[in-house]
Structures are given as structure tokens and as C-alpha cells.
Amino acid sequence: MKKIYDMSAAEMEVMEKLWEHEEGIKQAELLALFEEDGKEWKRQTLNTFLSRLENKGLVKRENRIAKPVYSREEYSNIQMKTVIDHVYGGRLSNFVASFAKKNSIADSDARALIDFLENS
């Protein structure tokens, strides 16, 4: 069973940078990117975030190079599938019905969804 990966805002910031460099990035270069963004993180701070993400199975580190285990799309799909499985009994129709009850769906979105379902 897949799990929902809980991340702090800072951990998500790290993941966003890693997704921009999916091939992997040296930890020192990653720290420099955060410094460019005005983050005053120390090396140990970044290392702590990377360790947490590694323990969650989201980051892999080798020879001071960090890379995401999943692409941004794969991560989103895992999260979405987990929520649909746990909250909506694994049924996409239950999710869509719940969403539609609480949110308005533009005609163009409804048409796109119908087209997608008819052509899948």
C-alpha cells in the first residue's frame, strides 16, 4: 500500500529544487541555489532536510549528489492515488462526485473530462 508523503514547507522547497535538477545535483550547488533565493541555510540545515526526505524514501544521495526518487508527476500520482484509495474507496467516480458537490466545474472542464473518459 502506498503512503502519503507528509512534507514540511521547507522539505517541499528542497523537493522543488531537486525536481528542477532531476538528474541530480551536488549538495553544495543545491545550497548555493537556496542562497540565491535569499535562504540563509547552513549546510547542516540542508543536510537535515535531505536526511528527512531520504528517510521518507523521496531522495537518494550518493557521493554528495542528491536526486529525487520520483519525478514531480510520479509523486503527484502517488499522492493522488493514495488519497483516492483511502478517502474515496479507490473509486475515482466517488472523488469526482465529491469534488463536484463542493466546487463548480466549468463547462470546458466537464467537456474535457468527458472527452478524456470517452477516449481512454
PDB file of N, CA and C in Angstrom:
ATOM      1  N   MET A   1       0.851  -1.185   0.000  1.00  0.00           N
ATOM      2  CA  MET A   1       0.000   0.000   0.000  1.00  0.00           C
ATOM      3  C   MET A   1       0.889   1.238   0.000  1.00  0.00           C
ATOM      4  N   LYS A   2       0.597   2.173  -0.876  1.00  0.00           N
ATOM      5  CA  LYS A   2       1.336   3.420  -0.940  1.00  0.00           C
ATOM      6  C   LYS A   2       0.962   4.277   0.258  1.00  0.00           C
ATOM      7  N   LYS A   3       1.846   5.185   0.614  1.00  0.00           N
ATOM      8  CA  LYS A   3       1.549   6.070   1.725  1.00  0.00           C
ATOM      9  C   LYS A   3       1.598   7.514   1.271  1.00  0.00           C
ATOM     10  N   ILE A   4       0.958   8.346   2.043  1.00  0.00           N
ATOM     11  CA  ILE A   4       1.020   9.776   1.765  1.00  0.00           C
ATOM     12  C   ILE A   4       2.321  10.294   2.351  1.00  0.00           C
ATOM     13  N   TYR A   5       3.079  10.968   1.544  1.00  0.00           N
ATOM     14  CA  TYR A   5       4.343  11.524   1.990  1.00  0.00           C
ATOM     15  C   TYR A   5       4.094  12.912   2.565  1.00  0.00           C
ATOM     16  N   ASP A   6       4.166  12.996   3.870  1.00  0.00           N
ATOM     17  CA  ASP A   6       3.999  14.258   4.558  1.00  0.00           C
ATOM     18  C   ASP A   6       5.297  15.039   4.476  1.00  0.00           C
ATOM     19  N   MET A   7       5.224  16.282   4.062  1.00  0.00           N
ATOM     20  CA  MET A   7       6.420  17.109   3.974  1.00  0.00           C
ATOM     21  C   MET A   7       6.147  18.466   4.576  1.00  0.00           C
ATOM     22  N   SER A   8       7.162  18.997   5.245  1.00  0.00           N
ATOM     23  CA  SER A   8       7.076  20.369   5.713  1.00  0.00           C
ATOM     24  C   SER A   8       7.236  21.294   4.510  1.00  0.00           C
ATOM     25  N   ALA A   9       6.947  22.570   4.719  1.00  0.00           N
ATOM     26  CA  ALA A   9       7.105  23.544   3.631  1.00  0.00           C
ATOM     27  C   ALA A   9       8.563  23.595   3.171  1.00  0.00           C
ATOM     28  N   ALA A  10       9.490  23.539   4.098  1.00  0.00           N
ATOM     29  CA  ALA A  10      10.913  23.588   3.739  1.00  0.00           C
ATOM     30  C   ALA A  10      11.325  22.337   2.965  1.00  0.00           C
ATOM     31  N   GLU A  11      10.822  21.179   3.383  1.00  0.00           N
ATOM     32  CA  GLU A  11      11.133  19.951   2.652  1.00  0.00           C
ATOM     33  C   GLU A  11      10.575  20.021   1.236  1.00  0.00           C
ATOM     34  N   MET A  12       9.405  20.604   1.086  1.00  0.00           N
ATOM     35  CA  MET A  12       8.824  20.757  -0.254  1.00  0.00           C
ATOM     36  C   MET A  12       9.673  21.702  -1.101  1.00  0.00           C
ATOM     37  N   GLU A  13      10.221  22.738  -0.488  1.00  0.00           N
ATOM     38  CA  GLU A  13      11.117  23.639  -1.227  1.00  0.00           C
ATOM     39  C   GLU A  13      12.330  22.873  -1.748  1.00  0.00           C
ATOM     40  N   VAL A  14      12.876  21.997  -0.911  1.00  0.00           N
ATOM     41  CA  VAL A  14      14.022  21.192  -1.330  1.00  0.00           C
ATOM     42  C   VAL A  14      13.611  20.289  -2.496  1.00  0.00           C
ATOM     43  N   MET A  15      12.445  19.654  -2.371  1.00  0.00           N
ATOM     44  CA  MET A  15      11.979  18.783  -3.450  1.00  0.00           C
ATOM     45  C   MET A  15      11.783  19.566  -4.743  1.00  0.00           C
ATOM     46  N   GLU A  16      11.249  20.768  -4.651  1.00  0.00           N
ATOM     47  CA  GLU A  16      11.050  21.584  -5.857  1.00  0.00           C
ATOM     48  C   GLU A  16      12.380  21.824  -6.571  1.00  0.00           C
ATOM     49  N   LYS A  17      13.420  22.143  -5.800  1.00  0.00           N
ATOM     50  CA  LYS A  17      14.746  22.350  -6.406  1.00  0.00           C
ATOM     51  C   LYS A  17      15.272  21.048  -7.017  1.00  0.00           C
ATOM     52  N   LEU A  18      15.062  19.943  -6.305  1.00  0.00           N
ATOM     53  CA  LEU A  18      15.539  18.667  -6.835  1.00  0.00           C
ATOM     54  C   LEU A  18      14.795  18.281  -8.108  1.00  0.00           C
ATOM     55  N   TRP A  19      13.501  18.571  -8.160  1.00  0.00           N
ATOM     56  CA  TRP A  19      12.749  18.265  -9.382  1.00  0.00           C
ATOM     57  C   TRP A  19      13.231  19.112 -10.554  1.00  0.00           C
ATOM     58  N   GLU A  20      13.746  20.301 -10.264  1.00  0.00           N
ATOM     59  CA  GLU A  20      14.312  21.139 -11.328  1.00  0.00           C
ATOM     60  C   GLU A  20      15.642  20.564 -11.824  1.00  0.00           C
ATOM     61  N   HIS A  21      16.250  19.705 -11.021  1.00  0.00           N
ATOM     62  CA  HIS A  21      17.539  19.077 -11.351  1.00  0.00           C
ATOM     63  C   HIS A  21      17.420  17.567 -11.166  1.00  0.00           C
ATOM     64  N   GLU A  22      16.474  16.963 -11.883  1.00  0.00           N
ATOM     65  CA  GLU A  22      16.169  15.538 -11.697  1.00  0.00           C
ATOM     66  C   GLU A  22      17.362  14.622 -11.917  1.00  0.00           C
ATOM     67  N   GLU A  23      18.313  15.071 -12.698  1.00  0.00           N
ATOM     68  CA  GLU A  23      19.482  14.234 -12.965  1.00  0.00           C
ATOM     69  C   GLU A  23      20.394  14.155 -11.749  1.00  0.00           C
ATOM     70  N   GLY A  24      20.154  15.019 -10.781  1.00  0.00           N
ATOM     71  CA  GLY A  24      20.951  15.052  -9.560  1.00  0.00           C
ATOM     72  C   GLY A  24      21.722  16.351  -9.461  1.00  0.00           C
ATOM     73  N   ILE A  25      22.008  16.750  -8.247  1.00  0.00           N
ATOM     74  CA  ILE A  25      22.729  17.993  -8.023  1.00  0.00           C
ATOM     75  C   ILE A  25      23.595  17.832  -6.784  1.00  0.00           C
ATOM     76  N   LYS A  26      24.778  18.397  -6.846  1.00  0.00           N
ATOM     77  CA  LYS A  26      25.662  18.360  -5.684  1.00  0.00           C
ATOM     78  C   LYS A  26      25.021  19.165  -4.554  1.00  0.00           C
ATOM     79  N   GLN A  27      25.206  18.671  -3.342  1.00  0.00           N
ATOM     80  CA  GLN A  27      24.598  19.339  -2.194  1.00  0.00           C
ATOM     81  C   GLN A  27      25.091  20.779  -2.071  1.00  0.00           C
ATOM     82  N   ALA A  28      26.360  21.023  -2.371  1.00  0.00           N
ATOM     83  CA  ALA A  28      26.899  22.380  -2.300  1.00  0.00           C
ATOM     84  C   ALA A  28      26.211  23.289  -3.321  1.00  0.00           C
ATOM     85  N   GLU A  29      25.943  22.771  -4.512  1.00  0.00           N
ATOM     86  CA  GLU A  29      25.245  23.552  -5.538  1.00  0.00           C
ATOM     87  C   GLU A  29      23.804  23.824  -5.122  1.00  0.00           C
ATOM     88  N   LEU A  30      23.184  22.828  -4.497  1.00  0.00           N
ATOM     89  CA  LEU A  30      21.812  22.992  -4.005  1.00  0.00           C
ATOM     90  C   LEU A  30      21.765  24.084  -2.949  1.00  0.00           C
ATOM     91  N   LEU A  31      22.725  24.075  -2.041  1.00  0.00           N
ATOM     92  CA  LEU A  31      22.798  25.107  -1.008  1.00  0.00           C
ATOM     93  C   LEU A  31      22.980  26.482  -1.646  1.00  0.00           C
ATOM     94  N   ALA A  32      23.801  26.572  -2.684  1.00  0.00           N
ATOM     95  CA  ALA A  32      24.018  27.844  -3.389  1.00  0.00           C
ATOM     96  C   ALA A  32      22.726  28.340  -4.029  1.00  0.00           C
ATOM     97  N   LEU A  33      21.906  27.436  -4.557  1.00  0.00           N
ATOM     98  CA  LEU A  33      20.625  27.843  -5.145  1.00  0.00           C
ATOM     99  C   LEU A  33      19.715  28.454  -4.092  1.00  0.00           C
ATOM    100  N   PHE A  34      19.710  27.877  -2.905  1.00  0.00           N
ATOM    101  CA  PHE A  34      18.897  28.439  -1.830  1.00  0.00           C
ATOM    102  C   PHE A  34      19.443  29.788  -1.374  1.00  0.00           C
ATOM    103  N   GLU A  35      20.749  29.935  -1.356  1.00  0.00           N
ATOM    104  CA  GLU A  35      21.353  31.226  -1.005  1.00  0.00           C
ATOM    105  C   GLU A  35      20.955  32.291  -2.021  1.00  0.00           C
ATOM    106  N   GLU A  36      20.921  31.923  -3.308  1.00  0.00           N
ATOM    107  CA  GLU A  36      20.479  32.851  -4.355  1.00  0.00           C
ATOM    108  C   GLU A  36      19.038  33.297  -4.123  1.00  0.00           C
ATOM    109  N   ASP A  37      18.236  32.407  -3.552  1.00  0.00           N
ATOM    110  CA  ASP A  37      16.830  32.712  -3.267  1.00  0.00           C
ATOM    111  C   ASP A  37      16.657  33.469  -1.949  1.00  0.00           C
ATOM    112  N   GLY A  38      17.772  33.777  -1.279  1.00  0.00           N
ATOM    113  CA  GLY A  38      17.695  34.522  -0.036  1.00  0.00           C
ATOM    114  C   GLY A  38      17.569  33.661   1.214  1.00  0.00           C
ATOM    115  N   LYS A  39      17.690  32.363   1.060  1.00  0.00           N
ATOM    116  CA  LYS A  39      17.653  31.466   2.220  1.00  0.00           C
ATOM    117  C   LYS A  39      19.037  31.482   2.873  1.00  0.00           C
ATOM    118  N   GLU A  40      19.051  31.656   4.147  1.00  0.00           N
ATOM    119  CA  GLU A  40      20.320  31.664   4.865  1.00  0.00           C
ATOM    120  C   GLU A  40      20.518  30.344   5.601  1.00  0.00           C
ATOM    121  N   TRP A  41      20.351  29.254   4.881  1.00  0.00           N
ATOM    122  CA  TRP A  41      20.514  27.938   5.471  1.00  0.00           C
ATOM    123  C   TRP A  41      21.991  27.595   5.576  1.00  0.00           C
ATOM    124  N   LYS A  42      22.321  26.924   6.635  1.00  0.00           N
ATOM    125  CA  LYS A  42      23.660  26.380   6.799  1.00  0.00           C
ATOM    126  C   LYS A  42      23.675  24.989   6.131  1.00  0.00           C
ATOM    127  N   ARG A  43      24.855  24.487   5.894  1.00  0.00           N
ATOM    128  CA  ARG A  43      24.995  23.175   5.267  1.00  0.00           C
ATOM    129  C   ARG A  43      24.254  22.108   6.082  1.00  0.00           C
ATOM    130  N   GLN A  44      24.359  22.191   7.404  1.00  0.00           N
ATOM    131  CA  GLN A  44      23.709  21.201   8.265  1.00  0.00           C
ATOM    132  C   GLN A  44      22.186  21.266   8.156  1.00  0.00           C
ATOM    133  N   THR A  45      21.655  22.471   7.967  1.00  0.00           N
ATOM    134  CA  THR A  45      20.198  22.620   7.816  1.00  0.00           C
ATOM    135  C   THR A  45      19.730  21.882   6.577  1.00  0.00           C
ATOM    136  N   LEU A  46      20.413  22.113   5.459  1.00  0.00           N
ATOM    137  CA  LEU A  46      20.062  21.421   4.221  1.00  0.00           C
ATOM    138  C   LEU A  46      20.240  19.917   4.395  1.00  0.00           C
ATOM    139  N   ASN A  47      21.325  19.520   5.050  1.00  0.00           N
ATOM    140  CA  ASN A  47      21.567  18.098   5.272  1.00  0.00           C
ATOM    141  C   ASN A  47      20.441  17.470   6.084  1.00  0.00           C
ATOM    142  N   THR A  48      19.922  18.188   7.060  1.00  0.00           N
ATOM    143  CA  THR A  48      18.809  17.688   7.871  1.00  0.00           C
ATOM    144  C   THR A  48      17.579  17.453   7.002  1.00  0.00           C
ATOM    145  N   PHE A  49      17.254  18.434   6.150  1.00  0.00           N
ATOM    146  CA  PHE A  49      16.095  18.280   5.263  1.00  0.00           C
ATOM    147  C   PHE A  49      16.296  17.112   4.301  1.00  0.00           C
ATOM    148  N   LEU A  50      17.495  17.005   3.748  1.00  0.00           N
ATOM    149  CA  LEU A  50      17.773  15.901   2.826  1.00  0.00           C
ATOM    150  C   LEU A  50      17.693  14.548   3.544  1.00  0.00           C
ATOM    151  N   SER A  51      18.174  14.493   4.775  1.00  0.00           N
ATOM    152  CA  SER A  51      18.096  13.243   5.546  1.00  0.00           C
ATOM    153  C   SER A  51      16.650  12.850   5.794  1.00  0.00           C
ATOM    154  N   ARG A  52      15.818  13.821   6.154  1.00  0.00           N
ATOM    155  CA  ARG A  52      14.404  13.532   6.385  1.00  0.00           C
ATOM    156  C   ARG A  52      13.747  13.016   5.111  1.00  0.00           C
ATOM    157  N   LEU A  53      14.049  13.668   3.989  1.00  0.00           N
ATOM    158  CA  LEU A  53      13.462  13.251   2.713  1.00  0.00           C
ATOM    159  C   LEU A  53      13.984  11.880   2.288  1.00  0.00           C
ATOM    160  N   GLU A  54      15.233  11.618   2.602  1.00  0.00           N
ATOM    161  CA  GLU A  54      15.815  10.313   2.299  1.00  0.00           C
ATOM    162  C   GLU A  54      15.132   9.228   3.140  1.00  0.00           C
ATOM    163  N   ASN A  55      14.899   9.512   4.410  1.00  0.00           N
ATOM    164  CA  ASN A  55      14.217   8.561   5.290  1.00  0.00           C
ATOM    165  C   ASN A  55      12.780   8.299   4.853  1.00  0.00           C
ATOM    166  N   LYS A  56      12.169   9.264   4.196  1.00  0.00           N
ATOM    167  CA  LYS A  56      10.807   9.102   3.686  1.00  0.00           C
ATOM    168  C   LYS A  56      10.796   8.388   2.342  1.00  0.00           C
ATOM    169  N   GLY A  57      11.973   8.127   1.790  1.00  0.00           N
ATOM    170  CA  GLY A  57      12.056   7.431   0.514  1.00  0.00           C
ATOM    171  C   GLY A  57      11.857   8.337  -0.686  1.00  0.00           C
ATOM    172  N   LEU A  58      12.048   9.643  -0.503  1.00  0.00           N
ATOM    173  CA  LEU A  58      11.822  10.591  -1.588  1.00  0.00           C
ATOM    174  C   LEU A  58      13.102  11.086  -2.240  1.00  0.00           C
ATOM    175  N   VAL A  59      14.220  10.935  -1.547  1.00  0.00           N
ATOM    176  CA  VAL A  59      15.511  11.421  -2.045  1.00  0.00           C
ATOM    177  C   VAL A  59      16.538  10.311  -1.918  1.00  0.00           C
ATOM    178  N   LYS A  60      17.437  10.298  -2.889  1.00  0.00           N
ATOM    179  CA  LYS A  60      18.546   9.355  -2.880  1.00  0.00           C
ATOM    180  C   LYS A  60      19.826  10.194  -2.930  1.00  0.00           C
ATOM    181  N   ARG A  61      20.783   9.875  -2.071  1.00  0.00           N
ATOM    182  CA  ARG A  61      22.059  10.597  -2.078  1.00  0.00           C
ATOM    183  C   ARG A  61      23.207   9.610  -2.270  1.00  0.00           C
ATOM    184  N   GLU A  62      24.119  10.043  -3.140  1.00  0.00           N
ATOM    185  CA  GLU A  62      25.295   9.228  -3.419  1.00  0.00           C
ATOM    186  C   GLU A  62      26.428  10.156  -3.807  1.00  0.00           C
ATOM    187  N   ASN A  63      27.553  10.032  -3.140  1.00  0.00           N
ATOM    188  CA  ASN A  63      28.725  10.879  -3.429  1.00  0.00           C
ATOM    189  C   ASN A  63      28.391  12.369  -3.392  1.00  0.00           C
ATOM    190  N   ARG A  64      27.646  12.771  -2.382  1.00  0.00           N
ATOM    191  CA  ARG A  64      27.245  14.179  -2.170  1.00  0.00           C
ATOM    192  C   ARG A  64      26.345  14.723  -3.277  1.00  0.00           C
ATOM    193  N   ILE A  65      25.758  13.821  -4.060  1.00  0.00           N
ATOM    194  CA  ILE A  65      24.797  14.229  -5.084  1.00  0.00           C
ATOM    195  C   ILE A  65      23.418  13.752  -4.640  1.00  0.00           C
ATOM    196  N   ALA A  66      22.477  14.673  -4.635  1.00  0.00           N
ATOM    197  CA  ALA A  66      21.102  14.354  -4.234  1.00  0.00           C
ATOM    198  C   ALA A  66      20.229  14.344  -5.476  1.00  0.00           C
ATOM    199  N   LYS A  67      19.319  13.388  -5.507  1.00  0.00           N
ATOM    200  CA  LYS A  67      18.369  13.347  -6.614  1.00  0.00           C
ATOM    201  C   LYS A  67      17.046  12.808  -6.107  1.00  0.00           C
ATOM    202  N   PRO A  68      15.963  13.240  -6.720  1.00  0.00           N
ATOM    203  CA  PRO A  68      14.650  12.746  -6.296  1.00  0.00           C
ATOM    204  C   PRO A  68      14.452  11.303  -6.744  1.00  0.00           C
ATOM    205  N   VAL A  69      13.781  10.529  -5.917  1.00  0.00           N
ATOM    206  CA  VAL A  69      13.464   9.144  -6.259  1.00  0.00           C
ATOM    207  C   VAL A  69      12.344   9.123  -7.297  1.00  0.00           C
ATOM    208  N   TYR A  70      11.394  10.035  -7.145  1.00  0.00           N
ATOM    209  CA  TYR A  70      10.248  10.136  -8.052  1.00  0.00           C
ATOM    210  C   TYR A  70      10.276  11.479  -8.763  1.00  0.00           C
ATOM    211  N   SER A  71       9.821  11.507 -10.002  1.00  0.00           N
ATOM    212  CA  SER A  71       9.626  12.781 -10.686  1.00  0.00           C
ATOM    213  C   SER A  71       8.460  13.502 -10.017  1.00  0.00           C
ATOM    214  N   ARG A  72       8.295  14.757 -10.310  1.00  0.00           N
ATOM    215  CA  ARG A  72       7.181  15.529  -9.743  1.00  0.00           C
ATOM    216  C   ARG A  72       5.851  14.867 -10.121  1.00  0.00           C
ATOM    217  N   GLU A  73       5.732  14.418 -11.364  1.00  0.00           N
ATOM    218  CA  GLU A  73       4.493  13.774 -11.821  1.00  0.00           C
ATOM    219  C   GLU A  73       4.248  12.449 -11.107  1.00  0.00           C
ATOM    220  N   GLU A  74       5.303  11.653 -10.949  1.00  0.00           N
ATOM    221  CA  GLU A  74       5.152  10.385 -10.232  1.00  0.00           C
ATOM    222  C   GLU A  74       4.727  10.618  -8.783  1.00  0.00           C
ATOM    223  N   TYR A  75       5.344  11.605  -8.153  1.00  0.00           N
ATOM    224  CA  TYR A  75       4.998  11.939  -6.761  1.00  0.00           C
ATOM    225  C   TYR A  75       3.531  12.355  -6.668  1.00  0.00           C
ATOM    226  N   SER A  76       3.098  13.228  -7.570  1.00  0.00           N
ATOM    227  CA  SER A  76       1.700  13.681  -7.571  1.00  0.00           C
ATOM    228  C   SER A  76       0.744  12.516  -7.776  1.00  0.00           C
ATOM    229  N   ASN A  77       1.092  11.621  -8.682  1.00  0.00           N
ATOM    230  CA  ASN A  77       0.238  10.455  -8.938  1.00  0.00           C
ATOM    231  C   ASN A  77       0.146   9.545  -7.717  1.00  0.00           C
ATOM    232  N   ILE A  78       1.259   9.345  -7.030  1.00  0.00           N
ATOM    233  CA  ILE A  78       1.248   8.520  -5.816  1.00  0.00           C
ATOM    234  C   ILE A  78       0.354   9.158  -4.762  1.00  0.00           C
ATOM    235  N   GLN A  79       0.511  10.462  -4.563  1.00  0.00           N
ATOM    236  CA  GLN A  79      -0.293  11.162  -3.567  1.00  0.00           C
ATOM    237  C   GLN A  79      -1.783  11.074  -3.915  1.00  0.00           C
ATOM    238  N   MET A  80      -2.107  11.333  -5.177  1.00  0.00           N
ATOM    239  CA  MET A  80      -3.497  11.319  -5.618  1.00  0.00           C
ATOM    240  C   MET A  80      -4.104   9.924  -5.471  1.00  0.00           C
ATOM    241  N   LYS A  81      -3.373   8.908  -5.903  1.00  0.00           N
ATOM    242  CA  LYS A  81      -3.865   7.530  -5.808  1.00  0.00           C
ATOM    243  C   LYS A  81      -4.095   7.136  -4.354  1.00  0.00           C
ATOM    244  N   THR A  82      -3.195   7.531  -3.487  1.00  0.00           N
ATOM    245  CA  THR A  82      -3.325   7.205  -2.070  1.00  0.00           C
ATOM    246  C   THR A  82      -4.573   7.844  -1.474  1.00  0.00           C
ATOM    247  N   VAL A  83      -4.806   9.104  -1.786  1.00  0.00           N
ATOM    248  CA  VAL A  83      -5.997   9.793  -1.270  1.00  0.00           C
ATOM    249  C   VAL A  83      -7.262   9.140  -1.817  1.00  0.00           C
ATOM    250  N   ILE A  84      -7.291   8.865  -3.097  1.00  0.00           N
ATOM    251  CA  ILE A  84      -8.479   8.242  -3.695  1.00  0.00           C
ATOM    252  C   ILE A  84      -8.714   6.860  -3.083  1.00  0.00           C
ATOM    253  N   ASP A  85      -7.665   6.102  -2.877  1.00  0.00           N
ATOM    254  CA  ASP A  85      -7.815   4.775  -2.266  1.00  0.00           C
ATOM    255  C   ASP A  85      -8.342   4.866  -0.838  1.00  0.00           C
ATOM    256  N   HIS A  86      -7.769   5.751  -0.047  1.00  0.00           N
ATOM    257  CA  HIS A  86      -8.100   5.817   1.379  1.00  0.00           C
ATOM    258  C   HIS A  86      -9.374   6.590   1.674  1.00  0.00           C
ATOM    259  N   VAL A  87      -9.597   7.664   0.977  1.00  0.00           N
ATOM    260  CA  VAL A  87     -10.732   8.533   1.294  1.00  0.00           C
ATOM    261  C   VAL A  87     -11.966   8.190   0.459  1.00  0.00           C
ATOM    262  N   TYR A  88     -11.743   7.757  -0.770  1.00  0.00           N
ATOM    263  CA  TYR A  88     -12.863   7.538  -1.690  1.00  0.00           C
ATOM    264  C   TYR A  88     -13.030   6.073  -2.087  1.00  0.00           C
ATOM    265  N   GLY A  89     -12.515   5.180  -1.277  1.00  0.00           N
ATOM    266  CA  GLY A  89     -12.686   3.751  -1.530  1.00  0.00           C
ATOM    267  C   GLY A  89     -12.081   3.276  -2.830  1.00  0.00           C
ATOM    268  N   GLY A  90     -11.078   3.992  -3.304  1.00  0.00           N
ATOM    269  CA  GLY A  90     -10.414   3.594  -4.539  1.00  0.00           C
ATOM    270  C   GLY A  90     -11.206   3.899  -5.798  1.00  0.00           C
ATOM    271  N   ARG A  91     -12.281   4.663  -5.647  1.00  0.00           N
ATOM    272  CA  ARG A  91     -13.152   4.937  -6.802  1.00  0.00           C
ATOM    273  C   ARG A  91     -13.025   6.390  -7.234  1.00  0.00           C
ATOM    274  N   LEU A  92     -12.540   6.573  -8.436  1.00  0.00           N
ATOM    275  CA  LEU A  92     -12.399   7.913  -8.988  1.00  0.00           C
ATOM    276  C   LEU A  92     -13.756   8.597  -9.090  1.00  0.00           C
ATOM    277  N   SER A  93     -14.791   7.837  -9.397  1.00  0.00           N
ATOM    278  CA  SER A  93     -16.127   8.420  -9.513  1.00  0.00           C
ATOM    279  C   SER A  93     -16.568   9.038  -8.187  1.00  0.00           C
ATOM    280  N   ASN A  94     -16.219   8.420  -7.059  1.00  0.00           N
ATOM    281  CA  ASN A  94     -16.548   8.992  -5.750  1.00  0.00           C
ATOM    282  C   ASN A  94     -15.818  10.317  -5.533  1.00  0.00           C
ATOM    283  N   PHE A  95     -14.561  10.364  -5.955  1.00  0.00           N
ATOM    284  CA  PHE A  95     -13.787  11.598  -5.840  1.00  0.00           C
ATOM    285  C   PHE A  95     -14.398  12.718  -6.678  1.00  0.00           C
ATOM    286  N   VAL A  96     -14.694  12.412  -7.930  1.00  0.00           N
ATOM    287  CA  VAL A  96     -15.252  13.426  -8.838  1.00  0.00           C
ATOM    288  C   VAL A  96     -16.606  13.914  -8.319  1.00  0.00           C
ATOM    289  N   ALA A  97     -17.439  12.990  -7.847  1.00  0.00           N
ATOM    290  CA  ALA A  97     -18.752  13.378  -7.313  1.00  0.00           C
ATOM    291  C   ALA A  97     -18.593  14.279  -6.098  1.00  0.00           C
ATOM    292  N   SER A  98     -17.675  13.950  -5.213  1.00  0.00           N
ATOM    293  CA  SER A  98     -17.435  14.764  -4.022  1.00  0.00           C
ATOM    294  C   SER A  98     -16.913  16.140  -4.411  1.00  0.00           C
ATOM    295  N   PHE A  99     -15.991  16.170  -5.343  1.00  0.00           N
ATOM    296  CA  PHE A  99     -15.438  17.444  -5.803  1.00  0.00           C
ATOM    297  C   PHE A  99     -16.521  18.308  -6.432  1.00  0.00           C
ATOM    298  N   ALA A 100     -17.347  17.700  -7.275  1.00  0.00           N
ATOM    299  CA  ALA A 100     -18.392  18.442  -7.993  1.00  0.00           C
ATOM    300  C   ALA A 100     -19.440  19.004  -7.035  1.00  0.00           C
ATOM    301  N   LYS A 101     -19.699  18.334  -5.924  1.00  0.00           N
ATOM    302  CA  LYS A 101     -20.677  18.826  -4.959  1.00  0.00           C
ATOM    303  C   LYS A 101     -20.204  20.101  -4.281  1.00  0.00           C
ATOM    304  N   LYS A 102     -18.902  20.224  -4.085  1.00  0.00           N
ATOM    305  CA  LYS A 102     -18.343  21.356  -3.338  1.00  0.00           C
ATOM    306  C   LYS A 102     -17.765  22.451  -4.227  1.00  0.00           C
ATOM    307  N   ASN A 103     -17.545  22.156  -5.480  1.00  0.00           N
ATOM    308  CA  ASN A 103     -16.895  23.105  -6.388  1.00  0.00           C
ATOM    309  C   ASN A 103     -17.657  23.144  -7.700  1.00  0.00           C
ATOM    310  N   SER A 104     -17.663  24.309  -8.290  1.00  0.00           N
ATOM    311  CA  SER A 104     -18.283  24.382  -9.611  1.00  0.00           C
ATOM    312  C   SER A 104     -17.249  23.915 -10.642  1.00  0.00           C
ATOM    313  N   ILE A 105     -17.750  23.234 -11.640  1.00  0.00           N
ATOM    314  CA  ILE A 105     -16.881  22.755 -12.712  1.00  0.00           C
ATOM    315  C   ILE A 105     -17.275  23.509 -13.975  1.00  0.00           C
ATOM    316  N   ALA A 106     -16.302  24.177 -14.554  1.00  0.00           N
ATOM    317  CA  ALA A 106     -16.547  24.926 -15.781  1.00  0.00           C
ATOM    318  C   ALA A 106     -16.982  23.962 -16.880  1.00  0.00           C
ATOM    319  N   ASP A 107     -17.849  24.438 -17.754  1.00  0.00           N
ATOM    320  CA  ASP A 107     -18.320  23.610 -18.861  1.00  0.00           C
ATOM    321  C   ASP A 107     -17.153  23.043 -19.675  1.00  0.00           C
ATOM    322  N   SER A 108     -16.132  23.867 -19.891  1.00  0.00           N
ATOM    323  CA  SER A 108     -14.983  23.403 -20.679  1.00  0.00           C
ATOM    324  C   SER A 108     -14.242  22.275 -19.954  1.00  0.00           C
ATOM    325  N   ASP A 109     -14.149  22.362 -18.617  1.00  0.00           N
ATOM    326  CA  ASP A 109     -13.502  21.289 -17.842  1.00  0.00           C
ATOM    327  C   ASP A 109     -14.344  20.020 -17.885  1.00  0.00           C
ATOM    328  N   ALA A 110     -15.643  20.162 -17.759  1.00  0.00           N
ATOM    329  CA  ALA A 110     -16.538  18.997 -17.814  1.00  0.00           C
ATOM    330  C   ALA A 110     -16.424  18.324 -19.180  1.00  0.00           C
ATOM    331  N   ARG A 111     -16.405  19.122 -20.225  1.00  0.00           N
ATOM    332  CA  ARG A 111     -16.291  18.570 -21.584  1.00  0.00           C
ATOM    333  C   ARG A 111     -14.951  17.858 -21.761  1.00  0.00           C
ATOM    334  N   ALA A 112     -13.879  18.471 -21.256  1.00  0.00           N
ATOM    335  CA  ALA A 112     -12.550  17.865 -21.360  1.00  0.00           C
ATOM    336  C   ALA A 112     -12.508  16.541 -20.606  1.00  0.00           C
ATOM    337  N   LEU A 113     -13.140  16.479 -19.457  1.00  0.00           N
ATOM    338  CA  LEU A 113     -13.183  15.243 -18.672  1.00  0.00           C
ATOM    339  C   LEU A 113     -13.967  14.162 -19.412  1.00  0.00           C
ATOM    340  N   ILE A 114     -15.108  14.526 -19.961  1.00  0.00           N
ATOM    341  CA  ILE A 114     -15.920  13.575 -20.722  1.00  0.00           C
ATOM    342  C   ILE A 114     -15.144  13.067 -21.936  1.00  0.00           C
ATOM    343  N   ASP A 115     -14.500  13.976 -22.647  1.00  0.00           N
ATOM    344  CA  ASP A 115     -13.689  13.592 -23.812  1.00  0.00           C
ATOM    345  C   ASP A 115     -12.572  12.638 -23.403  1.00  0.00           C
ATOM    346  N   PHE A 116     -11.926  12.947 -22.288  1.00  0.00           N
ATOM    347  CA  PHE A 116     -10.845  12.088 -21.816  1.00  0.00           C
ATOM    348  C   PHE A 116     -11.360  10.690 -21.511  1.00  0.00           C
ATOM    349  N   LEU A 117     -12.472  10.616 -20.797  1.00  0.00           N
ATOM    350  CA  LEU A 117     -13.038   9.317 -20.401  1.00  0.00           C
ATOM    351  C   LEU A 117     -13.503   8.522 -21.608  1.00  0.00           C
ATOM    352  N   GLU A 118     -14.087   9.202 -22.581  1.00  0.00           N
ATOM    353  CA  GLU A 118     -14.570   8.524 -23.782  1.00  0.00           C
ATOM    354  C   GLU A 118     -13.414   8.000 -24.641  1.00  0.00           C
ATOM    355  N   ASN A 119     -12.279   8.657 -24.584  1.00  0.00           N
ATOM    356  CA  ASN A 119     -11.146   8.283 -25.427  1.00  0.00           C
ATOM    357  C   ASN A 119     -10.084   7.473 -24.700  1.00  0.00           C
ATOM    358  N   SER A 120     -10.315   7.136 -23.454  1.00  0.00           N
ATOM    359  CA  SER A 120      -9.315   6.366 -22.679  1.00  0.00           C
ATOM    360  C   SER A 120      -9.534   4.885 -22.829  1.00  0.00           C
TER     361      SER A 120
END
